[in-house]
Amino acid sequence: FQGRMEFGPRALGNRSLLADPRNASARELLNVKVKHRE
């Protein structure tokens, strides 16, 4: 969470959740345990 918030539906680095792209399990973790979505 940094600086001014983005305008528009995409988080572009100021209101973002970040994870390691090398970790295949990060996708399931974020979808299921953080964002609670499909």
PDB file of all heavy atoms in Angstrom:
ATOM      1  N   PHE A   1       0.870  -1.181   0.000  1.00  0.00           N
ATOM      2  CA  PHE A   1       0.000   0.000   0.000  1.00  0.00           C
ATOM      3  C   PHE A   1       0.905   1.228   0.000  1.00  0.00           C
ATOM      4  O   PHE A   1       1.586   1.496   0.983  1.00  0.00           O
ATOM      5  CB  PHE A   1      -0.870  -0.056   1.260  1.00  0.00           C
ATOM      6  CG  PHE A   1      -1.867   1.062   1.434  1.00  0.00           C
ATOM      7  CD1 PHE A   1      -3.229   0.794   1.405  1.00  0.00           C
ATOM      8  CD2 PHE A   1      -1.475   2.369   1.673  1.00  0.00           C
ATOM      9  CE1 PHE A   1      -4.167   1.796   1.589  1.00  0.00           C
ATOM     10  CE2 PHE A   1      -2.397   3.381   1.863  1.00  0.00           C
ATOM     11  CZ  PHE A   1      -3.746   3.096   1.816  1.00  0.00           C
ATOM     12  N   GLN A   2       0.911   1.962  -1.128  1.00  0.00           N
ATOM     13  CA  GLN A   2       1.826   3.092  -1.260  1.00  0.00           C
ATOM     14  C   GLN A   2       1.153   4.245  -2.010  1.00  0.00           C
ATOM     15  O   GLN A   2       0.400   4.023  -2.963  1.00  0.00           O
ATOM     16  CB  GLN A   2       3.079   2.684  -2.040  1.00  0.00           C
ATOM     17  CG  GLN A   2       3.841   1.504  -1.465  1.00  0.00           C
ATOM     18  CD  GLN A   2       4.515   1.811  -0.145  1.00  0.00           C
ATOM     19  OE1 GLN A   2       4.952   2.934   0.096  1.00  0.00           O
ATOM     20  NE2 GLN A   2       4.598   0.817   0.717  1.00  0.00           N
ATOM     21  N   GLY A   3       1.442   5.465  -1.609  1.00  0.00           N
ATOM     22  CA  GLY A   3       1.081   6.649  -2.389  1.00  0.00           C
ATOM     23  C   GLY A   3      -0.393   6.755  -2.726  1.00  0.00           C
ATOM     24  O   GLY A   3      -1.274   6.307  -1.978  1.00  0.00           O
ATOM     25  N   ARG A   4      -0.667   7.346  -3.892  1.00  0.00           N
ATOM     26  CA  ARG A   4      -2.041   7.593  -4.316  1.00  0.00           C
ATOM     27  C   ARG A   4      -2.682   6.324  -4.906  1.00  0.00           C
ATOM     28  O   ARG A   4      -2.034   5.584  -5.638  1.00  0.00           O
ATOM     29  CB  ARG A   4      -2.096   8.724  -5.348  1.00  0.00           C
ATOM     30  CG  ARG A   4      -1.628  10.066  -4.810  1.00  0.00           C
ATOM     31  CD  ARG A   4      -1.794  11.163  -5.846  1.00  0.00           C
ATOM     32  NE  ARG A   4      -3.207  11.467  -6.101  1.00  0.00           N
ATOM     33  CZ  ARG A   4      -3.635  12.365  -6.981  1.00  0.00           C
ATOM     34  NH1 ARG A   4      -2.754  13.036  -7.723  1.00  0.00           N
ATOM     35  NH2 ARG A   4      -4.929  12.579  -7.143  1.00  0.00           N
ATOM     36  N   MET A   5      -3.931   6.136  -4.587  1.00  0.00           N
ATOM     37  CA  MET A   5      -4.678   4.980  -5.080  1.00  0.00           C
ATOM     38  C   MET A   5      -4.901   5.069  -6.590  1.00  0.00           C
ATOM     39  O   MET A   5      -5.063   6.150  -7.150  1.00  0.00           O
ATOM     40  CB  MET A   5      -6.030   4.920  -4.366  1.00  0.00           C
ATOM     41  CG  MET A   5      -6.890   3.725  -4.712  1.00  0.00           C
ATOM     42  SD  MET A   5      -8.415   3.702  -3.741  1.00  0.00           S
ATOM     43  CE  MET A   5      -9.232   5.186  -4.354  1.00  0.00           C
ATOM     44  N   GLU A   6      -4.940   3.902  -7.242  1.00  0.00           N
ATOM     45  CA  GLU A   6      -5.169   3.829  -8.673  1.00  0.00           C
ATOM     46  C   GLU A   6      -6.613   4.212  -9.015  1.00  0.00           C
ATOM     47  O   GLU A   6      -7.542   3.978  -8.231  1.00  0.00           O
ATOM     48  CB  GLU A   6      -4.914   2.407  -9.189  1.00  0.00           C
ATOM     49  CG  GLU A   6      -3.498   1.899  -8.978  1.00  0.00           C
ATOM     50  CD  GLU A   6      -3.300   1.159  -7.670  1.00  0.00           C
ATOM     51  OE1 GLU A   6      -4.094   1.382  -6.712  1.00  0.00           O
ATOM     52  OE2 GLU A   6      -2.336   0.376  -7.575  1.00  0.00           O
ATOM     53  N   PHE A   7      -6.799   4.770 -10.209  1.00  0.00           N
ATOM     54  CA  PHE A   7      -8.130   5.007 -10.765  1.00  0.00           C
ATOM     55  C   PHE A   7      -8.366   3.948 -11.831  1.00  0.00           C
ATOM     56  O   PHE A   7      -7.601   3.826 -12.794  1.00  0.00           O
ATOM     57  CB  PHE A   7      -8.222   6.404 -11.379  1.00  0.00           C
ATOM     58  CG  PHE A   7      -9.580   6.720 -11.956  1.00  0.00           C
ATOM     59  CD1 PHE A   7     -10.722   6.612 -11.188  1.00  0.00           C
ATOM     60  CD2 PHE A   7      -9.708   7.151 -13.267  1.00  0.00           C
ATOM     61  CE1 PHE A   7     -11.973   6.909 -11.711  1.00  0.00           C
ATOM     62  CE2 PHE A   7     -10.951   7.458 -13.801  1.00  0.00           C
ATOM     63  CZ  PHE A   7     -12.087   7.337 -13.022  1.00  0.00           C
ATOM     64  N   GLY A   8      -9.435   3.177 -11.670  1.00  0.00           N
ATOM     65  CA  GLY A   8      -9.715   2.072 -12.568  1.00  0.00           C
ATOM     66  C   GLY A   8      -9.745   0.765 -11.799  1.00  0.00           C
ATOM     67  O   GLY A   8      -9.378   0.713 -10.616  1.00  0.00           O
ATOM     68  N   PRO A   9     -10.167  -0.320 -12.441  1.00  0.00           N
ATOM     69  CA  PRO A   9     -10.372  -1.586 -11.738  1.00  0.00           C
ATOM     70  C   PRO A   9      -9.116  -2.407 -11.496  1.00  0.00           C
ATOM     71  O   PRO A   9      -9.186  -3.428 -10.817  1.00  0.00           O
ATOM     72  CB  PRO A   9     -11.326  -2.334 -12.673  1.00  0.00           C
ATOM     73  CG  PRO A   9     -10.977  -1.818 -14.039  1.00  0.00           C
ATOM     74  CD  PRO A   9     -10.614  -0.381 -13.847  1.00  0.00           C
ATOM     75  N   ARG A  10      -7.968  -1.999 -12.039  1.00  0.00           N
ATOM     76  CA  ARG A  10      -6.738  -2.764 -11.872  1.00  0.00           C
ATOM     77  C   ARG A  10      -5.869  -2.161 -10.760  1.00  0.00           C
ATOM     78  O   ARG A  10      -5.702  -0.940 -10.688  1.00  0.00           O
ATOM     79  CB  ARG A  10      -5.919  -2.777 -13.157  1.00  0.00           C
ATOM     80  CG  ARG A  10      -6.692  -3.082 -14.424  1.00  0.00           C
ATOM     81  CD  ARG A  10      -7.059  -4.541 -14.553  1.00  0.00           C
ATOM     82  NE  ARG A  10      -7.440  -4.857 -15.920  1.00  0.00           N
ATOM     83  CZ  ARG A  10      -8.488  -5.600 -16.253  1.00  0.00           C
ATOM     84  NH1 ARG A  10      -9.284  -6.070 -15.318  1.00  0.00           N
ATOM     85  NH2 ARG A  10      -8.755  -5.872 -17.522  1.00  0.00           N
ATOM     86  N   ALA A  11      -5.304  -3.038  -9.941  1.00  0.00           N
ATOM     87  CA  ALA A  11      -4.291  -2.608  -8.979  1.00  0.00           C
ATOM     88  C   ALA A  11      -2.953  -2.582  -9.707  1.00  0.00           C
ATOM     89  O   ALA A  11      -2.521  -3.590 -10.259  1.00  0.00           O
ATOM     90  CB  ALA A  11      -4.229  -3.569  -7.807  1.00  0.00           C
ATOM     91  N   LEU A  12      -2.323  -1.424  -9.725  1.00  0.00           N
ATOM     92  CA  LEU A  12      -1.115  -1.233 -10.524  1.00  0.00           C
ATOM     93  C   LEU A  12       0.101  -0.896  -9.669  1.00  0.00           C
ATOM     94  O   LEU A  12       0.978  -0.150 -10.069  1.00  0.00           O
ATOM     95  CB  LEU A  12      -1.368  -0.148 -11.575  1.00  0.00           C
ATOM     96  CG  LEU A  12      -2.502  -0.448 -12.565  1.00  0.00           C
ATOM     97  CD1 LEU A  12      -2.792   0.754 -13.459  1.00  0.00           C
ATOM     98  CD2 LEU A  12      -2.170  -1.679 -13.413  1.00  0.00           C
ATOM     99  N   GLY A  13       0.125  -1.467  -8.459  1.00  0.00           N
ATOM    100  CA  GLY A  13       1.320  -1.348  -7.635  1.00  0.00           C
ATOM    101  C   GLY A  13       1.220  -0.401  -6.464  1.00  0.00           C
ATOM    102  O   GLY A  13       2.189  -0.254  -5.728  1.00  0.00           O
ATOM    103  N   ASN A  14       0.052   0.216  -6.247  1.00  0.00           N
ATOM    104  CA  ASN A  14      -0.114   1.062  -5.069  1.00  0.00           C
ATOM    105  C   ASN A  14      -1.145   0.517  -4.079  1.00  0.00           C
ATOM    106  O   ASN A  14      -1.163   0.928  -2.920  1.00  0.00           O
ATOM    107  CB  ASN A  14      -0.492   2.489  -5.469  1.00  0.00           C
ATOM    108  CG  ASN A  14       0.709   3.299  -5.901  1.00  0.00           C
ATOM    109  OD1 ASN A  14       1.798   2.741  -6.098  1.00  0.00           O
ATOM    110  ND2 ASN A  14       0.549   4.596  -6.049  1.00  0.00           N
ATOM    111  N   ARG A  15      -2.004  -0.376  -4.537  1.00  0.00           N
ATOM    112  CA  ARG A  15      -2.953  -1.082  -3.666  1.00  0.00           C
ATOM    113  C   ARG A  15      -2.980  -2.535  -4.132  1.00  0.00           C
ATOM    114  O   ARG A  15      -3.965  -3.036  -4.646  1.00  0.00           O
ATOM    115  CB  ARG A  15      -4.358  -0.470  -3.752  1.00  0.00           C
ATOM    116  CG  ARG A  15      -4.475   1.002  -3.378  1.00  0.00           C
ATOM    117  CD  ARG A  15      -4.271   1.240  -1.889  1.00  0.00           C
ATOM    118  NE  ARG A  15      -4.562   2.627  -1.519  1.00  0.00           N
ATOM    119  CZ  ARG A  15      -3.718   3.640  -1.625  1.00  0.00           C
ATOM    120  NH1 ARG A  15      -2.510   3.432  -2.139  1.00  0.00           N
ATOM    121  NH2 ARG A  15      -4.048   4.853  -1.239  1.00  0.00           N
ATOM    122  N   SER A  16      -1.856  -3.221  -3.926  1.00  0.00           N
ATOM    123  CA  SER A  16      -1.650  -4.549  -4.523  1.00  0.00           C
ATOM    124  C   SER A  16      -1.339  -5.621  -3.492  1.00  0.00           C
ATOM    125  O   SER A  16      -0.765  -5.336  -2.433  1.00  0.00           O
ATOM    126  CB  SER A  16      -0.493  -4.497  -5.526  1.00  0.00           C
ATOM    127  OG  SER A  16      -0.822  -3.759  -6.677  1.00  0.00           O
ATOM    128  N   LEU A  17      -1.725  -6.854  -3.809  1.00  0.00           N
ATOM    129  CA  LEU A  17      -1.233  -8.044  -3.128  1.00  0.00           C
ATOM    130  C   LEU A  17      -0.189  -8.685  -4.027  1.00  0.00           C
ATOM    131  O   LEU A  17      -0.450  -8.909  -5.217  1.00  0.00           O
ATOM    132  CB  LEU A  17      -2.367  -9.038  -2.870  1.00  0.00           C
ATOM    133  CG  LEU A  17      -3.474  -8.596  -1.916  1.00  0.00           C
ATOM    134  CD1 LEU A  17      -4.555  -9.668  -1.826  1.00  0.00           C
ATOM    135  CD2 LEU A  17      -2.915  -8.303  -0.527  1.00  0.00           C
ATOM    136  N   LEU A  18       0.969  -8.993  -3.470  1.00  0.00           N
ATOM    137  CA  LEU A  18       2.106  -9.468  -4.257  1.00  0.00           C
ATOM    138  C   LEU A  18       2.564 -10.830  -3.763  1.00  0.00           C
ATOM    139  O   LEU A  18       2.537 -11.116  -2.560  1.00  0.00           O
ATOM    140  CB  LEU A  18       3.258  -8.470  -4.169  1.00  0.00           C
ATOM    141  CG  LEU A  18       2.916  -7.006  -4.500  1.00  0.00           C
ATOM    142  CD1 LEU A  18       4.131  -6.114  -4.252  1.00  0.00           C
ATOM    143  CD2 LEU A  18       2.414  -6.872  -5.929  1.00  0.00           C
ATOM    144  N   ALA A  19       2.984 -11.669  -4.721  1.00  0.00           N
ATOM    145  CA  ALA A  19       3.470 -13.008  -4.379  1.00  0.00           C
ATOM    146  C   ALA A  19       4.520 -13.435  -5.389  1.00  0.00           C
ATOM    147  O   ALA A  19       4.744 -12.771  -6.405  1.00  0.00           O
ATOM    148  CB  ALA A  19       2.311 -13.998  -4.320  1.00  0.00           C
ATOM    149  N   ASP A  20       5.142 -14.577  -5.111  1.00  0.00           N
ATOM    150  CA  ASP A  20       6.230 -15.107  -5.942  1.00  0.00           C
ATOM    151  C   ASP A  20       5.644 -15.805  -7.174  1.00  0.00           C
ATOM    152  O   ASP A  20       4.920 -16.802  -7.041  1.00  0.00           O
ATOM    153  CB  ASP A  20       7.046 -16.101  -5.116  1.00  0.00           C
ATOM    154  CG  ASP A  20       8.330 -16.544  -5.803  1.00  0.00           C
ATOM    155  OD1 ASP A  20       8.440 -16.394  -7.036  1.00  0.00           O
ATOM    156  OD2 ASP A  20       9.227 -17.044  -5.091  1.00  0.00           O
ATOM    157  N   PRO A  21       5.939 -15.334  -8.380  1.00  0.00           N
ATOM    158  CA  PRO A  21       5.379 -15.966  -9.582  1.00  0.00           C
ATOM    159  C   PRO A  21       5.955 -17.347  -9.855  1.00  0.00           C
ATOM    160  O   PRO A  21       5.406 -18.098 -10.660  1.00  0.00           O
ATOM    161  CB  PRO A  21       5.761 -14.983 -10.691  1.00  0.00           C
ATOM    162  CG  PRO A  21       7.019 -14.342 -10.205  1.00  0.00           C
ATOM    163  CD  PRO A  21       6.835 -14.206  -8.718  1.00  0.00           C
ATOM    164  N   ARG A  22       7.049 -17.695  -9.208  1.00  0.00           N
ATOM    165  CA  ARG A  22       7.681 -19.016  -9.407  1.00  0.00           C
ATOM    166  C   ARG A  22       6.931 -20.119  -8.676  1.00  0.00           C
ATOM    167  O   ARG A  22       7.110 -21.295  -8.972  1.00  0.00           O
ATOM    168  CB  ARG A  22       9.128 -18.975  -8.900  1.00  0.00           C
ATOM    169  CG  ARG A  22      10.009 -17.922  -9.537  1.00  0.00           C
ATOM    170  CD  ARG A  22      11.346 -17.828  -8.798  1.00  0.00           C
ATOM    171  NE  ARG A  22      11.164 -17.480  -7.395  1.00  0.00           N
ATOM    172  CZ  ARG A  22      12.106 -17.603  -6.462  1.00  0.00           C
ATOM    173  NH1 ARG A  22      13.301 -18.084  -6.793  1.00  0.00           N
ATOM    174  NH2 ARG A  22      11.855 -17.260  -5.208  1.00  0.00           N
ATOM    175  N   ASN A  23       6.110 -19.739  -7.716  1.00  0.00           N
ATOM    176  CA  ASN A  23       5.443 -20.689  -6.830  1.00  0.00           C
ATOM    177  C   ASN A  23       4.057 -21.033  -7.380  1.00  0.00           C
ATOM    178  O   ASN A  23       3.114 -20.240  -7.265  1.00  0.00           O
ATOM    179  CB  ASN A  23       5.329 -20.079  -5.429  1.00  0.00           C
ATOM    180  CG  ASN A  23       4.664 -21.011  -4.442  1.00  0.00           C
ATOM    181  OD1 ASN A  23       4.332 -22.151  -4.762  1.00  0.00           O
ATOM    182  ND2 ASN A  23       4.450 -20.515  -3.228  1.00  0.00           N
ATOM    183  N   ALA A  24       3.903 -22.209  -7.960  1.00  0.00           N
ATOM    184  CA  ALA A  24       2.632 -22.598  -8.575  1.00  0.00           C
ATOM    185  C   ALA A  24       1.492 -22.623  -7.571  1.00  0.00           C
ATOM    186  O   ALA A  24       0.337 -22.372  -7.928  1.00  0.00           O
ATOM    187  CB  ALA A  24       2.776 -23.964  -9.241  1.00  0.00           C
ATOM    188  N   SER A  25       1.786 -22.905  -6.317  1.00  0.00           N
ATOM    189  CA  SER A  25       0.728 -22.985  -5.307  1.00  0.00           C
ATOM    190  C   SER A  25       0.237 -21.613  -4.855  1.00  0.00           C
ATOM    191  O   SER A  25      -0.785 -21.511  -4.176  1.00  0.00           O
ATOM    192  CB  SER A  25       1.220 -23.779  -4.094  1.00  0.00           C
ATOM    193  OG  SER A  25       2.291 -23.101  -3.459  1.00  0.00           O
ATOM    194  N   ALA A  26       0.958 -20.553  -5.237  1.00  0.00           N
ATOM    195  CA  ALA A  26       0.536 -19.205  -4.830  1.00  0.00           C
ATOM    196  C   ALA A  26      -0.834 -18.862  -5.388  1.00  0.00           C
ATOM    197  O   ALA A  26      -1.627 -18.170  -4.741  1.00  0.00           O
ATOM    198  CB  ALA A  26       1.571 -18.178  -5.293  1.00  0.00           C
ATOM    199  N   ARG A  27      -1.119 -19.358  -6.579  1.00  0.00           N
ATOM    200  CA  ARG A  27      -2.412 -19.061  -7.206  1.00  0.00           C
ATOM    201  C   ARG A  27      -3.574 -19.618  -6.380  1.00  0.00           C
ATOM    202  O   ARG A  27      -4.545 -18.921  -6.103  1.00  0.00           O
ATOM    203  CB  ARG A  27      -2.426 -19.641  -8.617  1.00  0.00           C
ATOM    204  CG  ARG A  27      -3.720 -19.444  -9.370  1.00  0.00           C
ATOM    205  CD  ARG A  27      -3.487 -19.760 -10.822  1.00  0.00           C
ATOM    206  NE  ARG A  27      -4.725 -19.998 -11.534  1.00  0.00           N
ATOM    207  CZ  ARG A  27      -4.823 -20.119 -12.838  1.00  0.00           C
ATOM    208  NH1 ARG A  27      -3.736 -20.034 -13.578  1.00  0.00           N
ATOM    209  NH2 ARG A  27      -5.977 -20.329 -13.414  1.00  0.00           N
ATOM    210  N   GLU A  28      -3.462 -20.877  -5.979  1.00  0.00           N
ATOM    211  CA  GLU A  28      -4.528 -21.485  -5.172  1.00  0.00           C
ATOM    212  C   GLU A  28      -4.632 -20.798  -3.820  1.00  0.00           C
ATOM    213  O   GLU A  28      -5.741 -20.527  -3.336  1.00  0.00           O
ATOM    214  CB  GLU A  28      -4.251 -22.979  -4.979  1.00  0.00           C
ATOM    215  CG  GLU A  28      -5.329 -23.674  -4.150  1.00  0.00           C
ATOM    216  CD  GLU A  28      -5.039 -25.149  -3.923  1.00  0.00           C
ATOM    217  OE1 GLU A  28      -4.009 -25.636  -4.427  1.00  0.00           O
ATOM    218  OE2 GLU A  28      -5.834 -25.809  -3.233  1.00  0.00           O
ATOM    219  N   LEU A  29      -3.497 -20.495  -3.194  1.00  0.00           N
ATOM    220  CA  LEU A  29      -3.502 -19.822  -1.899  1.00  0.00           C
ATOM    221  C   LEU A  29      -4.242 -18.490  -1.980  1.00  0.00           C
ATOM    222  O   LEU A  29      -5.117 -18.191  -1.150  1.00  0.00           O
ATOM    223  CB  LEU A  29      -2.069 -19.597  -1.417  1.00  0.00           C
ATOM    224  CG  LEU A  29      -1.913 -18.698  -0.179  1.00  0.00           C
ATOM    225  CD1 LEU A  29      -2.538 -19.356   1.031  1.00  0.00           C
ATOM    226  CD2 LEU A  29      -0.444 -18.372   0.079  1.00  0.00           C
ATOM    227  N   LEU A  30      -3.913 -17.684  -2.995  1.00  0.00           N
ATOM    228  CA  LEU A  30      -4.539 -16.372  -3.112  1.00  0.00           C
ATOM    229  C   LEU A  30      -6.024 -16.485  -3.439  1.00  0.00           C
ATOM    230  O   LEU A  30      -6.851 -15.764  -2.866  1.00  0.00           O
ATOM    231  CB  LEU A  30      -3.819 -15.556  -4.190  1.00  0.00           C
ATOM    232  CG  LEU A  30      -2.503 -14.925  -3.752  1.00  0.00           C
ATOM    233  CD1 LEU A  30      -1.683 -14.516  -4.961  1.00  0.00           C
ATOM    234  CD2 LEU A  30      -2.757 -13.721  -2.856  1.00  0.00           C
ATOM    235  N   ASN A  31      -6.377 -17.371  -4.345  1.00  0.00           N
ATOM    236  CA  ASN A  31      -7.780 -17.501  -4.731  1.00  0.00           C
ATOM    237  C   ASN A  31      -8.649 -18.017  -3.590  1.00  0.00           C
ATOM    238  O   ASN A  31      -9.745 -17.511  -3.358  1.00  0.00           O
ATOM    239  CB  ASN A  31      -7.919 -18.436  -5.939  1.00  0.00           C
ATOM    240  CG  ASN A  31      -7.790 -17.699  -7.256  1.00  0.00           C
ATOM    241  OD1 ASN A  31      -8.151 -16.540  -7.375  1.00  0.00           O
ATOM    242  ND2 ASN A  31      -7.274 -18.386  -8.267  1.00  0.00           N
ATOM    243  N   VAL A  32      -8.147 -19.009  -2.871  1.00  0.00           N
ATOM    244  CA  VAL A  32      -8.977 -19.707  -1.896  1.00  0.00           C
ATOM    245  C   VAL A  32      -8.901 -19.072  -0.507  1.00  0.00           C
ATOM    246  O   VAL A  32      -9.927 -18.839   0.147  1.00  0.00           O
ATOM    247  CB  VAL A  32      -8.587 -21.203  -1.825  1.00  0.00           C
ATOM    248  CG1 VAL A  32      -9.401 -21.925  -0.744  1.00  0.00           C
ATOM    249  CG2 VAL A  32      -8.802 -21.858  -3.173  1.00  0.00           C
ATOM    250  N   LYS A  33      -7.685 -18.751  -0.044  1.00  0.00           N
ATOM    251  CA  LYS A  33      -7.520 -18.339   1.343  1.00  0.00           C
ATOM    252  C   LYS A  33      -7.445 -16.825   1.543  1.00  0.00           C
ATOM    253  O   LYS A  33      -7.600 -16.348   2.659  1.00  0.00           O
ATOM    254  CB  LYS A  33      -6.266 -18.996   1.931  1.00  0.00           C
ATOM    255  CG  LYS A  33      -6.367 -20.519   2.010  1.00  0.00           C
ATOM    256  CD  LYS A  33      -5.165 -21.120   2.717  1.00  0.00           C
ATOM    257  CE  LYS A  33      -5.316 -22.632   2.825  1.00  0.00           C
ATOM    258  NZ  LYS A  33      -4.156 -23.241   3.521  1.00  0.00           N
ATOM    259  N   VAL A  34      -7.185 -16.091   0.470  1.00  0.00           N
ATOM    260  CA  VAL A  34      -7.083 -14.642   0.604  1.00  0.00           C
ATOM    261  C   VAL A  34      -8.276 -13.956  -0.059  1.00  0.00           C
ATOM    262  O   VAL A  34      -9.001 -13.190   0.574  1.00  0.00           O
ATOM    263  CB  VAL A  34      -5.758 -14.117   0.015  1.00  0.00           C
ATOM    264  CG1 VAL A  34      -5.720 -12.592   0.072  1.00  0.00           C
ATOM    265  CG2 VAL A  34      -4.574 -14.694   0.783  1.00  0.00           C
ATOM    266  N   LYS A  35      -8.509 -14.242  -1.329  1.00  0.00           N
ATOM    267  CA  LYS A  35      -9.536 -13.530  -2.086  1.00  0.00           C
ATOM    268  C   LYS A  35     -10.883 -14.252  -2.095  1.00  0.00           C
ATOM    269  O   LYS A  35     -11.888 -13.688  -2.515  1.00  0.00           O
ATOM    270  CB  LYS A  35      -9.060 -13.276  -3.518  1.00  0.00           C
ATOM    271  CG  LYS A  35      -7.692 -12.607  -3.524  1.00  0.00           C
ATOM    272  CD  LYS A  35      -7.368 -11.736  -4.661  1.00  0.00           C
ATOM    273  CE  LYS A  35      -8.358 -10.772  -5.146  1.00  0.00           C
ATOM    274  NZ  LYS A  35      -7.792  -9.433  -5.420  1.00  0.00           N
ATOM    275  N   HIS A  36     -10.890 -15.510  -1.626  1.00  0.00           N
ATOM    276  CA  HIS A  36     -12.132 -16.276  -1.497  1.00  0.00           C
ATOM    277  C   HIS A  36     -12.949 -16.245  -2.780  1.00  0.00           C
ATOM    278  O   HIS A  36     -14.099 -15.808  -2.818  1.00  0.00           O
ATOM    279  CB  HIS A  36     -12.952 -15.752  -0.309  1.00  0.00           C
ATOM    280  CG  HIS A  36     -12.196 -15.795   0.979  1.00  0.00           C
ATOM    281  ND1 HIS A  36     -11.666 -14.668   1.583  1.00  0.00           N
ATOM    282  CD2 HIS A  36     -11.840 -16.837   1.770  1.00  0.00           C
ATOM    283  CE1 HIS A  36     -11.039 -15.009   2.699  1.00  0.00           C
ATOM    284  NE2 HIS A  36     -11.131 -16.310   2.833  1.00  0.00           N
ATOM    285  N   ARG A  37     -12.328 -16.740  -3.856  1.00  0.00           N
ATOM    286  CA  ARG A  37     -12.979 -16.721  -5.161  1.00  0.00           C
ATOM    287  C   ARG A  37     -12.642 -18.006  -5.912  1.00  0.00           C
ATOM    288  O   ARG A  37     -11.932 -18.877  -5.387  1.00  0.00           O
ATOM    289  CB  ARG A  37     -12.535 -15.500  -5.958  1.00  0.00           C
ATOM    290  CG  ARG A  37     -11.071 -15.488  -6.342  1.00  0.00           C
ATOM    291  CD  ARG A  37     -10.660 -14.203  -7.032  1.00  0.00           C
ATOM    292  NE  ARG A  37      -9.406 -14.368  -7.760  1.00  0.00           N
ATOM    293  CZ  ARG A  37      -8.805 -13.405  -8.456  1.00  0.00           C
ATOM    294  NH1 ARG A  37      -9.350 -12.204  -8.506  1.00  0.00           N
ATOM    295  NH2 ARG A  37      -7.682 -13.636  -9.099  1.00  0.00           N
ATOM    296  N   GLU A  38     -13.141 -18.142  -7.125  1.00  0.00           N
ATOM    297  CA  GLU A  38     -13.000 -19.363  -7.895  1.00  0.00           C
ATOM    298  C   GLU A  38     -11.523 -19.677  -8.197  1.00  0.00           C
ATOM    299  O   GLU A  38     -10.737 -18.789  -8.489  1.00  0.00           O
ATOM    300  CB  GLU A  38     -13.775 -19.249  -9.215  1.00  0.00           C
ATOM    301  CG  GLU A  38     -15.264 -19.055  -9.042  1.00  0.00           C
ATOM    302  CD  GLU A  38     -15.653 -17.606  -8.784  1.00  0.00           C
ATOM    303  OE1 GLU A  38     -14.756 -16.735  -8.785  1.00  0.00           O
ATOM    304  OE2 GLU A  38     -16.848 -17.353  -8.569  1.00  0.00           O
TER     305      GLU A  38
END
